[in-house]
Amino acid sequence: MVGSRTATAVGGVAGSLFLTGALYYYTGQLLVFLAAPFVPLLFHRRAGDAGDGAEVRTCPVCGYASAADHAYCPHDGTKLE
């Protein structure tokens, strides 16, 4: 049986290919295949951009930063400040 993560990944890839093909069909530009992978970067939110008042904690050893409820660094196990 296919897991939900696999189904989501396959659906995302299929949807992405369909959308890219449709854009190529309507525009006739091969540049669509080069520009389409960068579209998600336009909608990406960084930690702290959400405006929800989440406190960003950082690791004093490696510099890892997280606005999530993590208490320890996932890289080296140091307590986040």
N, C-alpha and C. Protein backbone atom coordinates (compact mmCIF):
# COMPACT_ATOMS: atom_id res chain seq x y z
N MET A 1 0.85 -1.18 0.00
CA MET A 1 0.00 0.00 0.00
C MET A 1 0.90 1.25 0.00
N VAL A 2 0.49 2.23 -0.72
CA VAL A 2 1.25 3.47 -0.84
C VAL A 2 0.97 4.35 0.37
N GLY A 3 2.07 4.87 0.98
CA GLY A 3 1.91 5.76 2.12
C GLY A 3 1.42 7.13 1.72
N SER A 4 0.94 7.90 2.69
CA SER A 4 0.40 9.22 2.39
C SER A 4 1.49 10.18 1.92
N ARG A 5 2.70 10.03 2.44
CA ARG A 5 3.80 10.91 1.99
C ARG A 5 4.15 10.64 0.54
N THR A 6 4.18 9.36 0.18
CA THR A 6 4.48 9.00 -1.20
C THR A 6 3.39 9.51 -2.14
N ALA A 7 2.13 9.35 -1.74
CA ALA A 7 1.03 9.82 -2.56
C ALA A 7 1.07 11.34 -2.72
N THR A 8 1.41 12.04 -1.66
CA THR A 8 1.52 13.50 -1.72
C THR A 8 2.66 13.92 -2.64
N ALA A 9 3.79 13.22 -2.54
CA ALA A 9 4.94 13.55 -3.39
C ALA A 9 4.63 13.29 -4.86
N VAL A 10 4.01 12.15 -5.14
CA VAL A 10 3.66 11.82 -6.53
C VAL A 10 2.64 12.83 -7.06
N GLY A 11 1.66 13.20 -6.25
CA GLY A 11 0.67 14.20 -6.68
C GLY A 11 1.31 15.55 -6.93
N GLY A 12 2.24 15.94 -6.08
CA GLY A 12 2.93 17.22 -6.27
C GLY A 12 3.76 17.25 -7.53
N VAL A 13 4.49 16.17 -7.79
CA VAL A 13 5.30 16.09 -9.01
C VAL A 13 4.41 16.09 -10.24
N ALA A 14 3.34 15.30 -10.21
CA ALA A 14 2.41 15.25 -11.35
C ALA A 14 1.77 16.61 -11.60
N GLY A 15 1.34 17.27 -10.53
CA GLY A 15 0.74 18.60 -10.67
C GLY A 15 1.73 19.61 -11.20
N SER A 16 2.96 19.53 -10.73
CA SER A 16 4.00 20.45 -11.19
C SER A 16 4.29 20.25 -12.68
N LEU A 17 4.40 18.99 -13.09
CA LEU A 17 4.65 18.72 -14.50
C LEU A 17 3.48 19.17 -15.37
N PHE A 18 2.27 18.94 -14.89
CA PHE A 18 1.09 19.38 -15.64
C PHE A 18 1.08 20.90 -15.79
N LEU A 19 1.32 21.62 -14.69
CA LEU A 19 1.31 23.08 -14.72
C LEU A 19 2.42 23.61 -15.63
N THR A 20 3.61 23.02 -15.55
CA THR A 20 4.72 23.44 -16.39
C THR A 20 4.41 23.18 -17.86
N GLY A 21 3.82 22.02 -18.15
CA GLY A 21 3.44 21.71 -19.53
C GLY A 21 2.39 22.66 -20.06
N ALA A 22 1.42 23.00 -19.21
CA ALA A 22 0.38 23.95 -19.62
C ALA A 22 0.98 25.34 -19.89
N LEU A 23 1.88 25.77 -19.04
CA LEU A 23 2.53 27.07 -19.27
C LEU A 23 3.34 27.07 -20.57
N TYR A 24 4.01 25.97 -20.84
CA TYR A 24 4.77 25.87 -22.09
C TYR A 24 3.82 25.89 -23.29
N TYR A 25 2.70 25.18 -23.17
CA TYR A 25 1.75 25.12 -24.26
C TYR A 25 1.19 26.52 -24.59
N TYR A 26 0.85 27.28 -23.54
CA TYR A 26 0.25 28.60 -23.76
C TYR A 26 1.26 29.68 -24.14
N THR A 27 2.50 29.57 -23.62
CA THR A 27 3.48 30.60 -23.91
C THR A 27 4.42 30.24 -25.06
N GLY A 28 4.68 28.94 -25.25
CA GLY A 28 5.60 28.52 -26.30
C GLY A 28 7.05 28.81 -25.97
N GLN A 29 7.33 29.13 -24.73
CA GLN A 29 8.69 29.47 -24.31
C GLN A 29 9.31 28.32 -23.53
N LEU A 30 10.49 27.88 -23.94
CA LEU A 30 11.20 26.86 -23.18
C LEU A 30 11.74 27.40 -21.87
N LEU A 31 11.81 28.72 -21.75
CA LEU A 31 12.29 29.34 -20.52
C LEU A 31 11.42 28.98 -19.33
N VAL A 32 10.17 28.61 -19.59
CA VAL A 32 9.26 28.21 -18.52
C VAL A 32 9.85 27.05 -17.73
N PHE A 33 10.52 26.11 -18.41
CA PHE A 33 11.10 24.96 -17.73
C PHE A 33 12.26 25.35 -16.83
N LEU A 34 12.90 26.47 -17.12
CA LEU A 34 13.99 26.95 -16.26
C LEU A 34 13.48 27.82 -15.13
N ALA A 35 12.42 28.58 -15.36
CA ALA A 35 11.92 29.52 -14.36
C ALA A 35 10.94 28.88 -13.38
N ALA A 36 10.20 27.86 -13.81
CA ALA A 36 9.17 27.26 -12.96
C ALA A 36 9.69 26.71 -11.63
N PRO A 37 10.88 26.11 -11.57
CA PRO A 37 11.34 25.59 -10.28
C PRO A 37 11.57 26.67 -9.23
N PHE A 38 11.72 27.91 -9.64
CA PHE A 38 11.99 28.99 -8.69
C PHE A 38 10.73 29.69 -8.19
N VAL A 39 9.58 29.34 -8.71
CA VAL A 39 8.31 29.95 -8.29
C VAL A 39 8.05 29.74 -6.79
N PRO A 40 8.30 28.55 -6.21
CA PRO A 40 8.05 28.39 -4.77
C PRO A 40 8.86 29.36 -3.90
N LEU A 41 9.99 29.82 -4.38
CA LEU A 41 10.78 30.77 -3.61
C LEU A 41 10.06 32.10 -3.43
N LEU A 42 9.14 32.42 -4.33
CA LEU A 42 8.39 33.66 -4.20
C LEU A 42 7.42 33.61 -3.03
N PHE A 43 6.97 32.41 -2.67
CA PHE A 43 5.97 32.25 -1.62
C PHE A 43 6.56 31.71 -0.33
N HIS A 44 7.87 31.52 -0.27
CA HIS A 44 8.53 30.98 0.91
C HIS A 44 8.57 32.01 2.03
N ARG A 45 8.20 31.57 3.25
CA ARG A 45 8.25 32.47 4.40
C ARG A 45 9.39 32.05 5.30
N ARG A 46 10.19 33.00 5.70
CA ARG A 46 11.28 32.72 6.62
C ARG A 46 10.77 32.76 8.05
N ALA A 47 11.53 32.14 8.96
CA ALA A 47 11.18 32.19 10.38
C ALA A 47 11.23 33.64 10.83
N GLY A 48 10.20 34.08 11.47
CA GLY A 48 10.14 35.46 11.94
C GLY A 48 9.36 36.37 11.01
N ASP A 49 9.12 35.94 9.76
CA ASP A 49 8.35 36.74 8.82
C ASP A 49 6.85 36.60 9.03
N ALA A 50 6.46 35.60 9.80
CA ALA A 50 5.04 35.31 9.94
C ALA A 50 4.30 36.40 10.71
N GLY A 51 5.01 37.12 11.55
CA GLY A 51 4.37 38.17 12.31
C GLY A 51 3.53 37.64 13.45
N ASP A 52 3.75 36.38 13.83
CA ASP A 52 2.95 35.79 14.89
C ASP A 52 3.60 35.93 16.27
N GLY A 53 4.71 36.62 16.34
CA GLY A 53 5.36 36.86 17.62
C GLY A 53 6.15 35.68 18.15
N ALA A 54 6.43 34.70 17.31
CA ALA A 54 7.19 33.53 17.74
C ALA A 54 8.63 33.94 18.04
N GLU A 55 9.13 33.45 19.15
CA GLU A 55 10.50 33.76 19.54
C GLU A 55 11.46 32.86 18.79
N VAL A 56 12.49 33.46 18.18
CA VAL A 56 13.49 32.70 17.45
C VAL A 56 14.61 32.35 18.42
N ARG A 57 14.89 31.05 18.51
CA ARG A 57 15.96 30.58 19.38
C ARG A 57 17.13 30.14 18.52
N THR A 58 18.35 30.39 18.99
CA THR A 58 19.53 30.03 18.23
C THR A 58 20.46 29.15 19.05
N CYS A 59 21.24 28.35 18.35
CA CYS A 59 22.23 27.48 18.98
C CYS A 59 23.52 28.27 19.12
N PRO A 60 24.10 28.35 20.32
CA PRO A 60 25.33 29.10 20.49
C PRO A 60 26.54 28.42 19.85
N VAL A 61 26.43 27.13 19.53
CA VAL A 61 27.56 26.39 18.97
C VAL A 61 27.61 26.48 17.45
N CYS A 62 26.48 26.11 16.80
CA CYS A 62 26.50 26.04 15.33
C CYS A 62 25.73 27.17 14.65
N GLY A 63 24.92 27.93 15.39
CA GLY A 63 24.19 29.05 14.81
C GLY A 63 22.82 28.66 14.25
N TYR A 64 22.40 27.41 14.45
CA TYR A 64 21.08 26.98 13.99
C TYR A 64 20.01 27.86 14.66
N ALA A 65 19.03 28.32 13.88
CA ALA A 65 17.95 29.16 14.42
C ALA A 65 16.61 28.53 14.10
N SER A 66 15.67 28.61 15.05
CA SER A 66 14.34 28.03 14.87
C SER A 66 13.32 28.85 15.63
N ALA A 67 12.16 29.04 15.02
CA ALA A 67 11.04 29.71 15.69
C ALA A 67 10.06 28.68 16.23
N ALA A 68 10.35 27.40 16.02
CA ALA A 68 9.48 26.33 16.50
C ALA A 68 9.70 26.12 17.99
N ASP A 69 8.99 25.16 18.55
CA ASP A 69 9.07 24.89 19.98
C ASP A 69 10.22 23.96 20.33
N HIS A 70 11.28 23.98 19.56
CA HIS A 70 12.43 23.13 19.85
C HIS A 70 13.19 23.70 21.05
N ALA A 71 13.65 22.82 21.94
CA ALA A 71 14.44 23.25 23.08
C ALA A 71 15.92 22.98 22.85
N TYR A 72 16.21 22.03 21.94
CA TYR A 72 17.60 21.66 21.70
C TYR A 72 17.91 21.67 20.21
N CYS A 73 19.17 21.90 19.89
CA CYS A 73 19.62 21.93 18.50
C CYS A 73 19.58 20.51 17.93
N PRO A 74 18.99 20.33 16.73
CA PRO A 74 18.94 19.00 16.15
C PRO A 74 20.28 18.52 15.62
N HIS A 75 21.24 19.43 15.47
CA HIS A 75 22.55 19.07 14.92
C HIS A 75 23.50 18.54 15.98
N ASP A 76 23.56 19.22 17.13
CA ASP A 76 24.54 18.82 18.14
C ASP A 76 23.95 18.64 19.54
N GLY A 77 22.66 18.88 19.72
CA GLY A 77 22.01 18.64 21.01
C GLY A 77 22.20 19.74 22.05
N THR A 78 22.79 20.86 21.66
CA THR A 78 22.98 21.97 22.58
C THR A 78 21.65 22.68 22.84
N LYS A 79 21.43 23.13 24.07
CA LYS A 79 20.19 23.84 24.40
C LYS A 79 20.15 25.17 23.65
N LEU A 80 19.02 25.46 23.01
CA LEU A 80 18.87 26.71 22.26
C LEU A 80 18.64 27.87 23.20
N GLU A 81 19.18 29.02 22.82
CA GLU A 81 19.06 30.24 23.63
C GLU A 81 18.00 31.14 23.04
